[in-house]
Amino acid sequence: MANLQIKGIDDDLYGEIKDMAKDEHRSVSQQILYITKLFLSKRKTIEQLKTPAEVLLGLAGSWKDERPAEEIIAEIRAARKSSIRLSEGLDVSA
């Protein structure tokens, strides 16, 4: 069985690991092994998770249209309705 020595560990991090080990009735070495095994067992699952951007793009779907962009833009502009209230501009004095 191999041995591993960790040098330069931050005192606060070591304190957290020590407290966790105490709470879970393990030695610090046993706790480090437990945390490492837990991380490695979940790593593949974590790596396969989609990023928030990927999830958003999946929800948004994609737009497929064979028409040229100019025709699509013309259709959108024709469908817009102008507002009489805005024909004189915005009143920013209020």
N, C-alpha and C. Protein backbone atom coordinates (compact mmCIF):
# COMPACT_ATOMS: atom_id res chain seq x y z
N MET A 1 0.85 -1.17 0.00
CA MET A 1 0.00 0.00 0.00
C MET A 1 0.90 1.24 0.00
N ALA A 2 0.57 2.20 -0.84
CA ALA A 2 1.37 3.42 -0.98
C ALA A 2 1.09 4.40 0.15
N ASN A 3 2.07 5.25 0.40
CA ASN A 3 1.92 6.33 1.37
C ASN A 3 1.92 7.66 0.63
N LEU A 4 1.22 8.63 1.16
CA LEU A 4 1.14 9.94 0.54
C LEU A 4 1.35 10.98 1.63
N GLN A 5 2.23 11.93 1.33
CA GLN A 5 2.47 13.02 2.28
C GLN A 5 2.05 14.31 1.60
N ILE A 6 1.28 15.12 2.28
CA ILE A 6 0.82 16.39 1.73
C ILE A 6 1.56 17.50 2.47
N LYS A 7 2.28 18.32 1.71
CA LYS A 7 3.04 19.42 2.30
C LYS A 7 2.37 20.75 1.97
N GLY A 8 2.52 21.70 2.86
CA GLY A 8 2.05 23.06 2.59
C GLY A 8 0.56 23.23 2.65
N ILE A 9 -0.15 22.38 3.38
CA ILE A 9 -1.60 22.52 3.48
C ILE A 9 -1.94 23.70 4.38
N ASP A 10 -2.90 24.47 3.96
CA ASP A 10 -3.35 25.65 4.70
C ASP A 10 -3.89 25.22 6.07
N ASP A 11 -3.56 25.98 7.11
CA ASP A 11 -3.99 25.64 8.47
C ASP A 11 -5.51 25.59 8.60
N ASP A 12 -6.20 26.52 7.95
CA ASP A 12 -7.66 26.54 8.03
C ASP A 12 -8.26 25.30 7.37
N LEU A 13 -7.72 24.92 6.22
CA LEU A 13 -8.20 23.73 5.53
C LEU A 13 -7.94 22.48 6.37
N TYR A 14 -6.76 22.41 6.93
CA TYR A 14 -6.44 21.26 7.78
C TYR A 14 -7.38 21.19 8.98
N GLY A 15 -7.69 22.36 9.54
CA GLY A 15 -8.62 22.41 10.68
C GLY A 15 -10.00 21.91 10.29
N GLU A 16 -10.46 22.29 9.10
CA GLU A 16 -11.77 21.83 8.64
C GLU A 16 -11.78 20.31 8.45
N ILE A 17 -10.71 19.79 7.85
CA ILE A 17 -10.63 18.35 7.63
C ILE A 17 -10.56 17.62 8.97
N LYS A 18 -9.81 18.16 9.88
CA LYS A 18 -9.67 17.56 11.22
C LYS A 18 -11.02 17.53 11.94
N ASP A 19 -11.76 18.65 11.86
CA ASP A 19 -13.08 18.71 12.49
C ASP A 19 -14.05 17.73 11.83
N MET A 20 -14.00 17.64 10.51
CA MET A 20 -14.86 16.72 9.79
C MET A 20 -14.55 15.28 10.18
N ALA A 21 -13.26 14.99 10.27
CA ALA A 21 -12.84 13.64 10.65
C ALA A 21 -13.34 13.29 12.05
N LYS A 22 -13.23 14.25 12.94
CA LYS A 22 -13.70 14.02 14.32
C LYS A 22 -15.20 13.76 14.35
N ASP A 23 -15.96 14.58 13.59
CA ASP A 23 -17.41 14.43 13.53
C ASP A 23 -17.83 13.08 12.96
N GLU A 24 -17.01 12.55 12.05
CA GLU A 24 -17.36 11.29 11.39
C GLU A 24 -16.57 10.11 11.95
N HIS A 25 -15.93 10.32 13.11
CA HIS A 25 -15.21 9.26 13.83
C HIS A 25 -14.15 8.59 12.95
N ARG A 26 -13.34 9.42 12.29
CA ARG A 26 -12.25 8.93 11.46
C ARG A 26 -10.98 9.68 11.85
N SER A 27 -9.84 9.12 11.47
CA SER A 27 -8.59 9.85 11.59
C SER A 27 -8.51 10.82 10.42
N VAL A 28 -7.58 11.76 10.49
CA VAL A 28 -7.40 12.69 9.39
C VAL A 28 -7.03 11.93 8.12
N SER A 29 -6.17 10.94 8.22
CA SER A 29 -5.78 10.14 7.05
C SER A 29 -6.98 9.41 6.46
N GLN A 30 -7.80 8.82 7.32
CA GLN A 30 -9.00 8.12 6.84
C GLN A 30 -9.96 9.11 6.17
N GLN A 31 -10.07 10.29 6.72
CA GLN A 31 -10.96 11.31 6.16
C GLN A 31 -10.48 11.76 4.79
N ILE A 32 -9.18 11.98 4.64
CA ILE A 32 -8.62 12.36 3.34
C ILE A 32 -8.89 11.27 2.31
N LEU A 33 -8.69 10.02 2.68
CA LEU A 33 -8.97 8.90 1.77
C LEU A 33 -10.45 8.87 1.40
N TYR A 34 -11.33 9.06 2.39
CA TYR A 34 -12.77 9.04 2.15
C TYR A 34 -13.17 10.16 1.17
N ILE A 35 -12.68 11.38 1.43
CA ILE A 35 -13.02 12.52 0.58
C ILE A 35 -12.50 12.30 -0.84
N THR A 36 -11.29 11.79 -0.96
CA THR A 36 -10.69 11.54 -2.27
C THR A 36 -11.47 10.49 -3.04
N LYS A 37 -11.81 9.40 -2.39
CA LYS A 37 -12.59 8.34 -3.05
C LYS A 37 -13.97 8.86 -3.46
N LEU A 38 -14.59 9.63 -2.60
CA LEU A 38 -15.90 10.20 -2.89
C LEU A 38 -15.84 11.11 -4.11
N PHE A 39 -14.83 11.97 -4.16
CA PHE A 39 -14.67 12.87 -5.30
C PHE A 39 -14.44 12.08 -6.58
N LEU A 40 -13.55 11.12 -6.55
CA LEU A 40 -13.23 10.35 -7.75
C LEU A 40 -14.43 9.55 -8.25
N SER A 41 -15.25 9.06 -7.32
CA SER A 41 -16.43 8.29 -7.74
C SER A 41 -17.48 9.18 -8.40
N LYS A 42 -17.52 10.46 -8.03
CA LYS A 42 -18.52 11.38 -8.58
C LYS A 42 -17.98 12.23 -9.71
N ARG A 43 -16.68 12.17 -9.97
CA ARG A 43 -16.05 13.04 -10.96
C ARG A 43 -16.64 12.86 -12.35
N LYS A 44 -16.82 11.63 -12.79
CA LYS A 44 -17.37 11.39 -14.12
C LYS A 44 -18.78 11.95 -14.24
N THR A 45 -19.57 11.78 -13.21
CA THR A 45 -20.94 12.32 -13.22
C THR A 45 -20.90 13.84 -13.30
N ILE A 46 -20.03 14.45 -12.53
CA ILE A 46 -19.92 15.91 -12.51
C ILE A 46 -19.45 16.42 -13.87
N GLU A 47 -18.49 15.74 -14.48
CA GLU A 47 -17.98 16.17 -15.78
C GLU A 47 -19.03 16.06 -16.88
N GLN A 48 -19.98 15.15 -16.72
CA GLN A 48 -21.02 14.96 -17.73
C GLN A 48 -22.18 15.93 -17.58
N LEU A 49 -22.23 16.66 -16.47
CA LEU A 49 -23.30 17.63 -16.28
C LEU A 49 -23.15 18.77 -17.28
N LYS A 50 -24.26 19.26 -17.75
CA LYS A 50 -24.24 20.37 -18.69
C LYS A 50 -23.99 21.67 -17.94
N THR A 51 -23.31 22.57 -18.59
CA THR A 51 -23.10 23.90 -18.02
C THR A 51 -24.42 24.67 -18.10
N PRO A 52 -24.58 25.71 -17.29
CA PRO A 52 -25.81 26.51 -17.38
C PRO A 52 -26.06 27.03 -18.80
N ALA A 53 -25.01 27.40 -19.51
CA ALA A 53 -25.18 27.88 -20.88
C ALA A 53 -25.72 26.78 -21.79
N GLU A 54 -25.22 25.57 -21.62
CA GLU A 54 -25.70 24.45 -22.43
C GLU A 54 -27.16 24.14 -22.14
N VAL A 55 -27.55 24.24 -20.86
CA VAL A 55 -28.94 24.01 -20.49
C VAL A 55 -29.84 25.07 -21.13
N LEU A 56 -29.41 26.33 -21.06
CA LEU A 56 -30.19 27.42 -21.64
C LEU A 56 -30.34 27.25 -23.15
N LEU A 57 -29.26 26.90 -23.82
CA LEU A 57 -29.35 26.70 -25.26
C LEU A 57 -30.26 25.53 -25.61
N GLY A 58 -30.26 24.51 -24.77
CA GLY A 58 -31.16 23.38 -24.99
C GLY A 58 -32.62 23.76 -24.83
N LEU A 59 -32.89 24.65 -23.89
CA LEU A 59 -34.27 25.10 -23.68
C LEU A 59 -34.72 26.02 -24.80
N ALA A 60 -33.80 26.82 -25.31
CA ALA A 60 -34.15 27.79 -26.34
C ALA A 60 -34.41 27.12 -27.69
N GLY A 61 -33.78 25.99 -27.91
CA GLY A 61 -33.95 25.32 -29.19
C GLY A 61 -33.21 26.07 -30.30
N SER A 62 -33.48 25.72 -31.52
CA SER A 62 -32.82 26.40 -32.63
C SER A 62 -33.89 26.78 -33.65
N TRP A 63 -33.55 27.75 -34.45
CA TRP A 63 -34.47 28.29 -35.43
C TRP A 63 -33.99 27.82 -36.80
N LYS A 64 -34.88 27.12 -37.50
CA LYS A 64 -34.54 26.65 -38.83
C LYS A 64 -35.50 27.28 -39.82
N ASP A 65 -34.97 28.00 -40.77
CA ASP A 65 -35.77 28.67 -41.77
C ASP A 65 -34.94 28.76 -43.04
N GLU A 66 -35.52 28.36 -44.14
CA GLU A 66 -34.79 28.33 -45.41
C GLU A 66 -34.75 29.69 -46.11
N ARG A 67 -35.57 30.64 -45.63
CA ARG A 67 -35.64 31.95 -46.27
C ARG A 67 -34.37 32.75 -46.00
N PRO A 68 -34.06 33.68 -46.89
CA PRO A 68 -32.90 34.55 -46.63
C PRO A 68 -33.20 35.51 -45.49
N ALA A 69 -32.15 35.99 -44.84
CA ALA A 69 -32.31 36.86 -43.67
C ALA A 69 -33.13 38.10 -43.99
N GLU A 70 -32.92 38.66 -45.17
CA GLU A 70 -33.64 39.89 -45.54
C GLU A 70 -35.14 39.67 -45.56
N GLU A 71 -35.57 38.52 -46.04
CA GLU A 71 -37.01 38.21 -46.09
C GLU A 71 -37.58 38.04 -44.69
N ILE A 72 -36.84 37.40 -43.82
CA ILE A 72 -37.29 37.20 -42.43
C ILE A 72 -37.39 38.55 -41.72
N ILE A 73 -36.39 39.41 -41.92
CA ILE A 73 -36.40 40.74 -41.29
C ILE A 73 -37.58 41.56 -41.80
N ALA A 74 -37.85 41.49 -43.09
CA ALA A 74 -38.98 42.24 -43.67
C ALA A 74 -40.30 41.76 -43.07
N GLU A 75 -40.44 40.46 -42.87
CA GLU A 75 -41.66 39.92 -42.27
C GLU A 75 -41.83 40.40 -40.83
N ILE A 76 -40.74 40.40 -40.08
CA ILE A 76 -40.81 40.85 -38.68
C ILE A 76 -41.19 42.33 -38.62
N ARG A 77 -40.57 43.13 -39.47
CA ARG A 77 -40.88 44.56 -39.48
C ARG A 77 -42.33 44.83 -39.89
N ALA A 78 -42.84 44.07 -40.84
CA ALA A 78 -44.22 44.25 -41.29
C ALA A 78 -45.21 43.87 -40.20
N ALA A 79 -44.84 42.93 -39.34
CA ALA A 79 -45.74 42.48 -38.29
C ALA A 79 -45.77 43.42 -37.09
N ARG A 80 -44.81 44.31 -37.00
CA ARG A 80 -44.75 45.25 -35.87
C ARG A 80 -45.87 46.28 -35.98
N LYS A 81 -46.35 46.67 -34.83
CA LYS A 81 -47.40 47.69 -34.78
C LYS A 81 -46.82 48.91 -34.10
N SER A 82 -47.05 50.06 -34.69
CA SER A 82 -46.54 51.28 -34.09
C SER A 82 -47.53 51.75 -33.03
N SER A 83 -47.02 52.44 -32.07
CA SER A 83 -47.85 52.95 -30.99
C SER A 83 -48.08 54.44 -31.18
N ILE A 84 -49.33 54.83 -31.14
CA ILE A 84 -49.67 56.25 -31.27
C ILE A 84 -49.06 57.03 -30.11
N ARG A 85 -49.03 56.40 -28.94
CA ARG A 85 -48.48 57.08 -27.76
C ARG A 85 -47.02 57.47 -27.95
N LEU A 86 -46.29 56.68 -28.72
CA LEU A 86 -44.87 56.97 -28.90
C LEU A 86 -44.57 57.78 -30.13
N SER A 87 -45.58 58.10 -30.91
CA SER A 87 -45.33 58.85 -32.15
C SER A 87 -44.76 60.23 -31.88
N GLU A 88 -45.06 60.81 -30.72
CA GLU A 88 -44.55 62.14 -30.37
C GLU A 88 -43.30 62.04 -29.51
N GLY A 89 -42.78 60.85 -29.26
CA GLY A 89 -41.59 60.69 -28.43
C GLY A 89 -41.95 60.40 -26.99
N LEU A 90 -40.96 60.15 -26.19
CA LEU A 90 -41.19 59.84 -24.79
C LEU A 90 -41.17 61.12 -23.95
N ASP A 91 -42.07 61.19 -22.98
CA ASP A 91 -42.11 62.34 -22.07
C ASP A 91 -41.25 61.97 -20.86
N VAL A 92 -40.06 62.52 -20.77
CA VAL A 92 -39.15 62.20 -19.67
C VAL A 92 -39.22 63.21 -18.56
N SER A 93 -40.12 64.17 -18.65
CA SER A 93 -40.21 65.22 -17.62
C SER A 93 -40.88 64.70 -16.34
N ALA A 94 -41.61 63.60 -16.43
CA ALA A 94 -42.37 63.12 -15.26
C ALA A 94 -41.50 62.44 -14.26
